[in-house]
Amino acid sequence: MKIYEYGNSSAANILIQPVDEHDLSLIENEINEIKRLSNEDFCLVSVMISNWNHELSPWRAPAVFGKEDFGDGADNTLAEIKRLCMYDDKKYIIGGYSLAALFSLWAASQIDIFSGVAAASPSAWFPDFTDYLKNNEIMSNRVYLSIGDKEKNTKNPVMATVEDRIREIYEHLKSVGINTILELNQGNHFKDSDIRTAKAFAWILNGLA
């Protein structure tokens, strides 16, 4: 699993983001946007994911788009990420976009080392995930959620539930006392992923100051 590090390696705030090649191509812009939105110093650690549907899926599920089913490799991915969080004097924030955002929410229900979750346009349509979160406590104090205002306008009947599911997650997190926000962005799922992810991380950073 390849790791890429950006920013100040000695910073107290460590942002951990599972990424693919597309995310990496936009990472400099994302970092600049985080800096524009927050004055907090940080180091961004990007964890390269080679098989998105397998390595970020918390459990097996049938294909929703295309022909590739979802695997159950999230446990192994989280074990690798946990090794990056070894210092008690640092704050670790996990986040990402799409399935990486869903993985981040799940990861925060598995271990208690994350100070915040930056979940930009998470794949909340993932089978049974909303019910899972209602029965498994997120152990982070701050959770950022967002959704594009056109994401629900897909012809895929499973993915079309995404906004309803995210709103359900948002209401649940509020009800259990987690400091959370749900931001509605313009556009579909494929618009401005770097900007949306930067907004997510910046909101968490600003709240930890």
Protein backbone atom coordinates (compact mmCIF):
# COMPACT_ATOMS: atom_id res chain seq x y z
CA MET A 1 0.00 0.00 0.00
CA LYS A 2 1.69 3.20 -1.19
CA ILE A 3 1.70 6.22 1.10
CA TYR A 4 2.16 9.82 -0.06
CA GLU A 5 2.82 12.62 2.44
CA TYR A 6 2.18 16.31 1.87
CA GLY A 7 2.64 19.41 4.02
CA ASN A 8 4.31 19.66 7.39
CA SER A 9 5.28 16.20 8.65
CA SER A 10 5.73 17.57 12.18
CA ALA A 11 2.26 19.16 12.31
CA ALA A 12 -0.03 18.23 15.18
CA ASN A 13 -2.93 17.55 12.79
CA ILE A 14 -2.63 14.54 10.51
CA LEU A 15 -5.19 14.16 7.74
CA ILE A 16 -5.52 10.62 6.42
CA GLN A 17 -7.20 10.15 3.04
CA PRO A 18 -7.66 6.95 1.01
CA VAL A 19 -7.13 7.96 -2.63
CA ASP A 20 -7.08 6.66 -6.18
CA GLU A 21 -5.18 8.00 -9.19
CA HIS A 22 -7.85 10.61 -9.89
CA ASP A 23 -7.67 11.94 -6.33
CA LEU A 24 -3.87 12.14 -6.54
CA SER A 25 -4.04 14.15 -9.74
CA LEU A 26 -6.04 16.79 -7.84
CA ILE A 27 -4.29 16.58 -4.48
CA GLU A 28 -2.26 19.78 -4.78
CA ASN A 29 -5.41 21.75 -5.50
CA GLU A 30 -7.13 20.09 -2.56
CA ILE A 31 -4.26 21.01 -0.25
CA ASN A 32 -4.27 24.63 -1.42
CA GLU A 33 -8.00 24.82 -0.79
CA ILE A 34 -7.64 23.41 2.72
CA LYS A 35 -5.00 26.08 3.41
CA ARG A 36 -7.34 28.76 2.05
CA LEU A 37 -10.18 27.63 4.31
CA SER A 38 -8.20 26.91 7.47
CA ASN A 39 -5.20 28.44 9.22
CA GLU A 40 -4.44 25.22 11.06
CA ASP A 41 -1.18 23.48 10.23
CA PHE A 42 -1.52 19.92 8.92
CA CYS A 43 0.12 17.00 7.19
CA LEU A 44 -1.94 15.14 4.60
CA VAL A 45 -1.21 11.43 4.30
CA SER A 46 -2.69 9.89 1.16
CA VAL A 47 -3.15 6.12 1.17
CA MET A 48 -3.27 4.69 -2.34
CA ILE A 49 -6.13 2.25 -2.88
CA SER A 50 -5.63 -0.05 -5.85
CA ASN A 51 -8.96 -1.91 -5.71
CA TRP A 52 -11.56 0.65 -4.62
CA ASN A 53 -14.56 -1.70 -4.38
CA HIS A 54 -12.70 -4.31 -2.37
CA GLU A 55 -10.30 -2.39 -0.13
CA LEU A 56 -12.82 0.19 1.07
CA SER A 57 -15.93 -2.00 1.47
CA PRO A 58 -16.79 -3.01 5.05
CA TRP A 59 -18.67 -6.10 3.89
CA ARG A 60 -19.55 -7.97 0.72
CA ALA A 61 -22.35 -6.57 -1.41
CA PRO A 62 -23.55 -7.14 -4.97
CA ALA A 63 -22.52 -4.78 -7.75
CA VAL A 64 -24.54 -1.57 -7.91
CA PHE A 65 -22.90 -0.18 -11.05
CA GLY A 66 -20.88 -2.17 -13.55
CA LYS A 67 -20.18 -5.84 -12.89
CA GLU A 68 -17.74 -5.70 -9.98
CA ASP A 69 -19.15 -6.76 -6.62
CA PHE A 70 -18.05 -5.09 -3.41
CA GLY A 71 -15.57 -7.03 -1.30
CA ASP A 72 -14.82 -6.94 2.40
CA GLY A 73 -11.29 -5.59 2.47
CA ALA A 74 -11.92 -2.60 4.74
CA ASP A 75 -10.57 -4.42 7.81
CA ASN A 76 -7.17 -4.89 6.19
CA THR A 77 -7.10 -1.30 4.95
CA LEU A 78 -7.93 0.02 8.40
CA ALA A 79 -5.19 -2.12 9.92
CA GLU A 80 -2.68 -0.45 7.58
CA ILE A 81 -4.04 3.02 8.38
CA LYS A 82 -3.90 2.35 12.12
CA ARG A 83 -0.14 1.92 11.79
CA LEU A 84 0.04 5.53 10.61
CA CYS A 85 -1.58 6.76 13.84
CA MET A 86 1.06 5.96 16.42
CA TYR A 87 1.66 9.27 18.20
CA ASP A 88 -0.38 10.29 21.22
CA ASP A 89 0.46 13.99 20.78
CA LYS A 90 -1.14 14.26 17.35
CA LYS A 91 -4.74 14.53 16.20
CA TYR A 92 -5.75 12.18 13.40
CA ILE A 93 -8.56 13.05 11.03
CA ILE A 94 -9.78 10.50 8.52
CA GLY A 95 -11.68 11.46 5.41
CA GLY A 96 -12.15 11.21 1.71
CA TYR A 97 -14.58 11.23 -1.15
CA SER A 98 -17.29 8.80 -2.25
CA LEU A 99 -16.54 5.23 -1.08
CA ALA A 100 -13.47 6.55 0.77
CA ALA A 101 -15.84 8.78 2.75
CA LEU A 102 -18.06 5.82 3.57
CA PHE A 103 -14.98 3.87 4.65
CA SER A 104 -13.98 6.79 6.90
CA LEU A 105 -17.36 6.76 8.65
CA TRP A 106 -17.09 3.02 9.14
CA ALA A 107 -13.47 3.28 10.37
CA ALA A 108 -14.53 5.73 13.08
CA SER A 109 -16.99 3.15 14.37
CA GLN A 110 -14.22 0.56 14.63
CA ILE A 111 -11.46 2.41 16.49
CA ASP A 112 -11.37 5.53 18.66
CA ILE A 113 -8.21 7.26 17.41
CA PHE A 114 -9.83 9.72 14.99
CA SER A 115 -10.63 13.21 16.24
CA GLY A 116 -12.89 13.85 13.27
CA VAL A 117 -14.35 12.36 10.09
CA ALA A 118 -14.37 14.35 6.85
CA ALA A 119 -16.93 12.49 4.72
CA ALA A 120 -17.47 14.29 1.41
CA SER A 121 -20.29 12.83 -0.70
CA PRO A 122 -20.09 9.43 1.01
CA SER A 123 -21.58 6.42 -0.78
CA ALA A 124 -24.38 6.21 1.76
CA TRP A 125 -26.44 4.10 -0.63
CA PHE A 126 -24.10 1.19 0.25
CA PRO A 127 -26.35 -1.75 1.25
CA ASP A 128 -27.29 -1.79 4.96
CA PHE A 129 -24.83 0.97 5.90
CA THR A 130 -27.34 3.35 7.44
CA ASP A 131 -28.68 0.60 9.70
CA TYR A 132 -25.11 -0.33 10.60
CA LEU A 133 -24.30 3.19 11.79
CA LYS A 134 -27.46 3.31 13.90
CA ASN A 135 -26.27 0.23 15.75
CA ASN A 136 -22.54 0.98 15.93
CA GLU A 137 -21.34 4.15 17.62
CA ILE A 138 -19.00 6.51 15.76
CA MET A 139 -16.19 7.28 18.20
CA SER A 140 -15.25 10.71 16.79
CA ASN A 141 -16.53 13.99 18.18
CA ARG A 142 -16.87 15.78 14.84
CA VAL A 143 -18.32 14.49 11.56
CA TYR A 144 -18.66 16.45 8.34
CA LEU A 145 -21.13 15.20 5.73
CA SER A 146 -21.90 16.59 2.29
CA ILE A 147 -23.89 15.70 -0.80
CA GLY A 148 -24.24 17.17 -4.28
CA ASP A 149 -27.72 18.52 -4.93
CA LYS A 150 -27.99 16.49 -8.14
CA GLU A 151 -26.55 13.21 -6.86
CA LYS A 152 -30.00 11.74 -6.28
CA ASN A 153 -30.94 12.37 -9.94
CA THR A 154 -29.30 9.18 -11.17
CA LYS A 155 -31.15 6.47 -13.06
CA ASN A 156 -29.60 3.85 -10.79
CA PRO A 157 -32.35 3.03 -8.23
CA VAL A 158 -29.91 2.11 -5.45
CA MET A 159 -27.66 5.13 -5.85
CA ALA A 160 -30.70 7.43 -6.15
CA THR A 161 -31.33 6.88 -2.42
CA VAL A 162 -28.04 8.56 -1.50
CA GLU A 163 -29.42 11.90 -0.31
CA ASP A 164 -32.14 10.30 1.80
CA ARG A 165 -29.59 7.98 3.39
CA ILE A 166 -27.14 10.80 4.14
CA ARG A 167 -29.88 12.89 5.73
CA GLU A 168 -30.82 9.86 7.82
CA ILE A 169 -27.20 9.47 8.97
CA TYR A 170 -26.98 13.19 9.74
CA GLU A 171 -30.11 13.13 11.90
CA HIS A 172 -28.89 10.04 13.73
CA LEU A 173 -25.48 11.55 14.49
CA LYS A 174 -27.13 14.69 15.84
CA SER A 175 -29.46 12.62 18.00
CA VAL A 176 -26.53 10.88 19.72
CA GLY A 177 -24.72 14.15 20.42
CA ILE A 178 -22.02 14.15 17.75
CA ASN A 179 -21.04 17.59 16.43
CA THR A 180 -22.01 17.24 12.78
CA ILE A 181 -22.93 19.26 9.72
CA LEU A 182 -24.53 18.36 6.40
CA GLU A 183 -23.56 20.61 3.51
CA LEU A 184 -25.36 20.63 0.17
CA ASN A 185 -23.03 21.27 -2.76
CA GLN A 186 -23.99 22.15 -6.32
CA GLY A 187 -23.77 19.47 -8.97
CA ASN A 188 -23.66 15.72 -9.33
CA HIS A 189 -21.31 13.22 -7.73
CA PHE A 190 -18.47 13.88 -10.16
CA LYS A 191 -18.17 17.64 -9.68
CA ASP A 192 -15.35 19.25 -7.68
CA SER A 193 -14.33 16.23 -5.62
CA ASP A 194 -11.11 17.97 -4.56
CA ILE A 195 -12.91 21.14 -3.46
CA ARG A 196 -15.58 19.19 -1.60
CA THR A 197 -12.99 17.07 0.21
CA ALA A 198 -11.00 20.16 1.13
CA LYS A 199 -14.11 21.77 2.62
CA ALA A 200 -14.68 18.63 4.68
CA PHE A 201 -11.16 18.54 6.12
CA ALA A 202 -11.12 22.31 6.75
CA TRP A 203 -14.36 22.15 8.74
CA ILE A 204 -12.92 19.46 10.98
CA LEU A 205 -9.62 21.34 11.40
CA ASN A 206 -11.32 24.60 12.28
CA GLY A 207 -13.42 22.89 14.93
CA LEU A 208 -10.44 21.28 16.60
CA ALA A 209 -8.57 24.56 17.00
